[in-house]
Amino acid sequence: MASFGEALKRERELRDISVKEIAEATNIPARFLEALEENNFEILPGGAYNRGFIRSYARHIGINVEEMVNAYHQEAERQEAVVQSQGRKAPPPIPAQGTGGTAGLVAGVAVLAVAAGFALIYYWAGTAMHRSPATLSASSAHGVALKARVKKSGALPSGGGGLQGDPGAEPAPGSVASVPSETQAPPVLGVERFVRVRALETTWVQLTCAGVTAFRGDLWVGSERHFPCREPMLLSADNAGAIECSVDSSDLQLLGERGEMVRDRAIPIRRPVPPEFDPSPSKPKARPASSEVEQTAGRIS
């Protein structure tokens, strides 16, 4: 049975489509497309980026998108299982030494043990001198490593502030940080997202990521572009009803109404919620008492 990458490459070659053509149409680097065909997932960004690349690749050559995404997950799990099984293999046995070299072997092991002890003492002494009190806990080191892994997978939410220090702990109300303001880390920039833009009609488009223009120009009808983008993400178009956009793996949605000119609209787009309809019938208003008195007085007169 062909692997994920082999099946992807075979479908592309059957349709006589080159990697360069897919890269130009989807704006995905050719080295990422070749890595998908070679099952070399290590050089890919990971997370939602990988799935977005596969969806754009499959959609461009005209094959089932979800089947290829599922095949990618199966191949990634198979590679992970292979790595774990290799890590559990027992080390090769140490060849037996002759009786004449036993004394030398024992002496060498003793020397290595003493050297390792001195090196360990030196390491811990130097670390204790240079590390600040805020980084002495093992949970802080675990939090930094966890933040790096989650950021690589693309699943880190906007702001990224929930993984500073211990990822599972929250500061108590009214507590004061023990680290001086001079030693605090600089604020984390917006997390990089994956923006997808598709043109239903030819129109002018501009995408701004964290204040920097990522794209400006005409998008031709039927074309689709992908951009790594940091928040805030703003999208402009001369015809908002001709542009569909999405963030990460969310569904495409129109930027606005047809013929509407939009400037710097934030994405993902959040539509206003219509007010709830009150199904209860409105009660008739009571007639003022004064009008009835006036009518009675007129009839008497």
Protein backbone atom coordinates (compact mmCIF):
# COMPACT_ATOMS: atom_id res chain seq x y z
CA MET A 1 0.00 0.00 0.00
CA ALA A 2 1.38 3.41 -1.02
CA SER A 3 2.23 5.89 1.73
CA PHE A 4 0.66 9.33 2.00
CA GLY A 5 3.46 11.10 0.12
CA GLU A 6 3.64 8.45 -2.63
CA ALA A 7 -0.14 8.67 -3.21
CA LEU A 8 0.03 12.47 -3.35
CA LYS A 9 2.87 12.43 -5.87
CA ARG A 10 1.22 9.74 -8.02
CA GLU A 11 -2.03 11.73 -8.29
CA ARG A 12 -0.07 14.85 -9.28
CA GLU A 13 1.96 13.04 -11.96
CA LEU A 14 -1.18 11.37 -13.38
CA ARG A 15 -2.55 14.86 -14.05
CA ASP A 16 0.78 16.07 -15.49
CA ILE A 17 1.06 18.93 -12.96
CA SER A 18 4.45 20.11 -11.72
CA VAL A 19 5.37 21.09 -8.16
CA LYS A 20 6.34 24.54 -9.43
CA GLU A 21 2.86 25.07 -10.87
CA ILE A 22 1.21 24.17 -7.55
CA ALA A 23 3.61 26.43 -5.64
CA GLU A 24 2.81 29.41 -7.90
CA ALA A 25 -0.97 28.82 -7.71
CA THR A 26 -1.16 28.28 -3.93
CA ASN A 27 1.73 30.52 -2.79
CA ILE A 28 3.20 27.56 -0.83
CA PRO A 29 7.01 27.14 -1.01
CA ALA A 30 8.02 24.28 -3.32
CA ARG A 31 10.25 22.77 -0.63
CA PHE A 32 7.18 22.26 1.59
CA LEU A 33 5.28 20.57 -1.24
CA GLU A 34 8.25 18.25 -1.93
CA ALA A 35 8.47 17.47 1.81
CA LEU A 36 4.82 16.35 1.76
CA GLU A 37 5.51 14.00 -1.17
CA GLU A 38 8.58 12.59 0.62
CA ASN A 39 6.77 12.15 4.00
CA ASN A 40 9.40 14.47 5.48
CA PHE A 41 7.21 16.30 8.00
CA GLU A 42 10.12 17.51 10.15
CA ILE A 43 10.78 20.61 8.01
CA LEU A 44 7.10 21.65 7.87
CA PRO A 45 5.67 24.28 10.25
CA GLY A 46 3.25 21.74 11.73
CA GLY A 47 -0.31 21.95 13.06
CA ALA A 48 -2.87 23.92 11.03
CA TYR A 49 -0.21 24.95 8.51
CA ASN A 50 0.38 21.35 7.38
CA ARG A 51 -3.33 20.68 7.01
CA GLY A 52 -3.77 23.93 5.08
CA PHE A 53 -0.95 22.99 2.69
CA ILE A 54 -2.51 19.56 2.06
CA ARG A 55 -5.97 21.01 1.45
CA SER A 56 -4.63 23.58 -1.05
CA TYR A 57 -2.50 20.92 -2.80
CA ALA A 58 -5.39 18.42 -3.08
CA ARG A 59 -7.88 21.08 -4.17
CA HIS A 60 -5.56 22.34 -6.90
CA ILE A 61 -4.98 18.90 -8.49
CA GLY A 62 -8.63 17.89 -8.02
CA ILE A 63 -8.60 15.04 -5.48
CA ASN A 64 -10.57 14.42 -2.28
CA VAL A 65 -9.34 16.89 0.34
CA GLU A 66 -10.48 15.12 3.52
CA GLU A 67 -9.13 11.73 2.40
CA MET A 68 -5.65 13.23 1.94
CA VAL A 69 -5.82 15.00 5.34
CA ASN A 70 -6.77 11.68 7.01
CA ALA A 71 -3.95 9.89 5.15
CA TYR A 72 -1.50 12.52 6.41
CA HIS A 73 -2.58 11.96 10.03
CA GLN A 74 -2.18 8.18 9.62
CA GLU A 75 1.32 8.60 8.17
CA ALA A 76 2.32 11.03 10.98
CA GLU A 77 1.08 8.54 13.62
CA ARG A 78 2.96 5.69 11.93
CA GLN A 79 6.22 7.70 11.95
CA GLU A 80 5.70 8.58 15.63
CA ALA A 81 5.17 4.90 16.49
CA VAL A 82 8.37 3.94 14.67
CA VAL A 83 10.37 6.57 16.54
CA GLN A 84 8.99 5.42 19.90
CA SER A 85 9.70 1.74 19.15
CA GLN A 86 13.30 2.54 18.20
CA GLY A 87 13.76 4.52 21.40
CA ARG A 88 12.67 1.52 23.50
CA LYS A 89 15.20 -0.89 21.99
CA ALA A 90 17.73 -2.25 24.48
CA PRO A 91 21.33 -1.06 24.02
CA PRO A 92 23.78 -3.60 22.59
CA PRO A 93 25.54 -5.75 25.21
CA ILE A 94 29.03 -4.74 26.30
CA PRO A 95 31.59 -7.26 25.01
CA ALA A 96 33.27 -9.33 27.72
CA GLN A 97 36.73 -8.21 28.75
CA GLY A 98 39.60 -10.54 29.46
CA THR A 99 40.78 -11.09 33.02
CA GLY A 100 43.94 -9.17 32.29
CA GLY A 101 42.05 -5.90 31.55
CA THR A 102 39.62 -6.03 34.48
CA ALA A 103 41.76 -3.90 36.77
CA GLY A 104 42.28 -1.27 34.06
CA LEU A 105 38.56 -1.15 33.33
CA VAL A 106 37.69 -0.63 37.01
CA ALA A 107 40.29 2.13 37.31
CA GLY A 108 38.95 3.86 34.18
CA VAL A 109 35.38 3.74 35.47
CA ALA A 110 36.48 5.21 38.81
CA VAL A 111 38.30 8.08 37.08
CA LEU A 112 35.25 8.82 34.92
CA ALA A 113 32.96 8.78 37.96
CA VAL A 114 35.17 11.27 39.83
CA ALA A 115 35.36 13.56 36.78
CA ALA A 116 31.59 13.41 36.32
CA GLY A 117 31.06 14.30 39.98
CA PHE A 118 33.29 17.39 39.72
CA ALA A 119 31.59 18.44 36.49
CA LEU A 120 28.15 18.09 38.06
CA ILE A 121 29.15 20.16 41.11
CA TYR A 122 30.61 22.88 38.87
CA TYR A 123 27.50 22.93 36.70
CA TRP A 124 25.05 23.29 39.56
CA ALA A 125 27.19 25.94 41.27
CA GLY A 126 27.37 28.03 38.09
CA THR A 127 23.67 27.62 37.39
CA ALA A 128 22.72 28.71 40.92
CA MET A 129 24.87 31.84 40.59
CA HIS A 130 23.51 32.99 37.21
CA ARG A 131 19.86 32.01 37.35
CA SER A 132 17.29 34.42 38.78
CA PRO A 133 14.89 33.22 41.52
CA ALA A 134 12.00 33.22 39.05
CA THR A 135 13.63 30.47 36.94
CA LEU A 136 14.69 28.07 39.67
CA SER A 137 11.53 25.95 39.61
CA ALA A 138 11.27 22.95 37.30
CA SER A 139 7.74 24.00 36.37
CA SER A 140 9.07 27.20 34.76
CA ALA A 141 11.39 25.23 32.48
CA HIS A 142 8.52 22.90 31.63
CA GLY A 143 6.32 25.89 30.77
CA VAL A 144 8.92 27.35 28.39
CA ALA A 145 9.32 24.00 26.60
CA LEU A 146 5.56 23.53 26.37
CA LYS A 147 5.13 27.02 24.92
CA ALA A 148 7.72 26.29 22.21
CA ARG A 149 5.99 23.02 21.22
CA VAL A 150 2.51 24.57 21.11
CA LYS A 151 3.72 27.57 19.11
CA LYS A 152 5.33 25.25 16.56
CA SER A 153 2.04 23.32 16.17
CA GLY A 154 0.09 26.53 15.43
CA ALA A 155 -2.43 25.96 18.24
CA LEU A 156 -1.35 28.84 20.49
CA PRO A 157 -4.29 31.25 21.01
CA SER A 158 -4.10 35.00 20.38
CA GLY A 159 -2.01 36.91 22.89
CA GLY A 160 -0.01 33.86 23.98
CA GLY A 161 0.07 35.03 27.59
CA GLY A 162 -1.26 31.86 29.19
CA LEU A 163 2.01 29.93 28.98
CA GLN A 164 4.38 32.22 30.86
CA GLY A 165 6.00 30.33 33.75
CA ASP A 166 3.88 27.42 34.97
CA PRO A 167 1.22 26.67 32.28
CA GLY A 168 -1.28 25.21 34.76
CA ALA A 169 -1.04 27.84 37.52
CA GLU A 170 -2.87 31.16 37.81
CA PRO A 171 -1.70 34.03 40.04
CA ALA A 172 -3.71 34.50 43.20
CA PRO A 173 -5.79 37.70 43.41
CA GLY A 174 -3.79 40.57 44.88
CA SER A 175 -0.45 38.71 44.64
CA VAL A 176 2.73 40.62 43.75
CA ALA A 177 5.27 39.28 41.25
CA SER A 178 8.62 38.45 42.82
CA VAL A 179 10.66 39.37 39.71
CA PRO A 180 11.73 43.04 39.43
CA SER A 181 10.39 45.00 36.46
CA GLU A 182 13.92 45.28 35.01
CA THR A 183 14.23 41.49 34.62
CA GLN A 184 10.78 40.78 33.15
CA ALA A 185 10.68 39.44 29.58
CA PRO A 186 9.49 41.79 26.78
CA PRO A 187 5.83 41.42 25.66
CA VAL A 188 5.14 38.56 23.25
CA LEU A 189 4.07 39.60 19.75
CA GLY A 190 0.82 38.34 18.18
CA VAL A 191 0.83 34.69 17.24
CA GLU A 192 1.35 33.87 13.58
CA ARG A 193 -1.88 32.68 11.93
CA PHE A 194 -2.64 31.15 8.52
CA VAL A 195 -4.81 33.44 6.34
CA ARG A 196 -6.50 32.15 3.18
CA VAL A 197 -7.97 34.56 0.58
CA ARG A 198 -9.98 33.51 -2.50
CA ALA A 199 -11.37 35.73 -5.30
CA LEU A 200 -14.83 35.02 -6.73
CA GLU A 201 -14.37 37.98 -9.09
CA THR A 202 -11.33 40.01 -10.07
CA THR A 203 -10.85 42.86 -7.59
CA TRP A 204 -8.20 44.87 -5.76
CA VAL A 205 -7.17 43.49 -2.34
CA GLN A 206 -4.82 44.54 0.47
CA LEU A 207 -3.84 42.40 3.49
CA THR A 208 -2.08 44.01 6.48
CA CYS A 209 -0.47 41.87 9.22
CA ALA A 210 0.52 43.57 12.48
CA GLY A 211 0.81 46.91 10.68
CA VAL A 212 2.88 45.52 7.76
CA THR A 213 1.44 45.10 4.26
CA ALA A 214 1.62 41.40 3.31
CA PHE A 215 -0.13 41.74 -0.07
CA ARG A 216 -1.48 44.58 -2.23
CA GLY A 217 -2.77 44.20 -5.75
CA ASP A 218 -5.41 42.59 -7.96
CA LEU A 219 -6.65 39.07 -7.30
CA TRP A 220 -7.92 37.42 -10.47
CA VAL A 221 -11.17 35.48 -10.52
CA GLY A 222 -10.72 31.91 -9.22
CA SER A 223 -7.28 32.61 -7.69
CA GLU A 224 -6.45 31.69 -4.10
CA ARG A 225 -3.57 32.93 -1.93
CA HIS A 226 -2.25 31.85 1.48
CA PHE A 227 -0.31 34.05 3.89
CA PRO A 228 1.33 33.56 7.31
CA CYS A 229 0.05 36.60 9.21
CA ARG A 230 0.29 38.08 12.71
CA GLU A 231 -2.56 39.87 14.51
CA PRO A 232 -4.05 42.37 14.09
CA MET A 233 -5.02 41.15 10.59
CA LEU A 234 -6.83 43.72 8.39
CA LEU A 235 -8.27 43.07 4.91
CA SER A 236 -9.36 45.68 2.35
CA ALA A 237 -11.12 45.17 -1.01
CA ASP A 238 -12.81 47.26 -3.69
CA ASN A 239 -15.55 44.61 -3.97
CA ALA A 240 -16.01 42.87 -0.61
CA GLY A 241 -18.65 40.50 -2.02
CA ALA A 242 -16.04 39.05 -4.40
CA ILE A 243 -13.57 38.04 -1.66
CA GLU A 244 -13.75 35.04 0.67
CA CYS A 245 -11.33 34.68 3.58
CA SER A 246 -10.60 32.35 6.47
CA VAL A 247 -8.10 32.03 9.35
CA ASP A 248 -6.28 28.74 10.09
CA SER A 249 -8.66 25.84 9.35
CA SER A 250 -11.96 27.78 9.66
CA ASP A 251 -14.55 27.93 6.87
CA LEU A 252 -14.39 30.61 4.18
CA GLN A 253 -16.71 33.58 4.59
CA LEU A 254 -17.42 36.67 2.48
CA LEU A 255 -15.64 39.87 3.43
CA GLY A 256 -18.82 41.92 2.86
CA GLU A 257 -21.66 42.68 0.46
CA ARG A 258 -21.30 42.66 -3.32
CA GLY A 259 -20.08 46.02 -4.61
CA GLU A 260 -19.18 47.19 -1.08
CA MET A 261 -15.81 48.92 -0.70
CA VAL A 262 -14.14 47.77 2.52
CA ARG A 263 -11.05 49.28 4.14
CA ASP A 264 -9.11 47.60 6.98
CA ARG A 265 -11.79 45.16 8.12
CA ALA A 266 -10.53 42.90 10.92
CA ILE A 267 -10.40 39.16 10.29
CA PRO A 268 -11.65 36.69 11.33
CA ILE A 269 -14.89 38.51 10.52
CA ARG A 270 -17.41 38.70 13.35
CA ARG A 271 -20.92 39.38 12.07
CA PRO A 272 -23.30 41.34 14.39
CA VAL A 273 -25.90 39.16 16.10
CA PRO A 274 -29.47 40.23 15.11
CA PRO A 275 -31.76 41.19 18.01
CA GLU A 276 -34.01 38.42 19.26
CA PHE A 277 -37.57 38.47 17.88
CA ASP A 278 -40.34 38.68 20.47
CA PRO A 279 -43.13 36.33 19.26
CA SER A 280 -45.69 37.54 21.85
CA PRO A 281 -48.43 39.75 20.25
CA SER A 282 -48.39 43.37 21.23
CA LYS A 283 -51.16 44.38 23.61
CA PRO A 284 -53.58 47.14 22.48
CA LYS A 285 -52.94 50.43 24.12
CA ALA A 286 -55.56 51.57 26.64
CA ARG A 287 -57.53 54.62 25.65
CA PRO A 288 -56.89 57.60 27.91
CA ALA A 289 -59.68 58.25 30.39
CA SER A 290 -59.74 61.97 29.57
CA SER A 291 -60.86 61.35 25.96
CA GLU A 292 -63.87 59.27 27.11
CA VAL A 293 -64.97 62.07 29.52
CA GLU A 294 -64.71 64.66 26.73
CA GLN A 295 -66.82 62.54 24.32
CA THR A 296 -69.50 62.00 27.05
CA ALA A 297 -69.62 65.72 27.78
CA GLY A 298 -70.07 66.49 24.07
CA ARG A 299 -73.04 64.12 23.72
CA ILE A 300 -74.76 65.66 26.81
CA SER A 301 -74.30 69.19 25.54
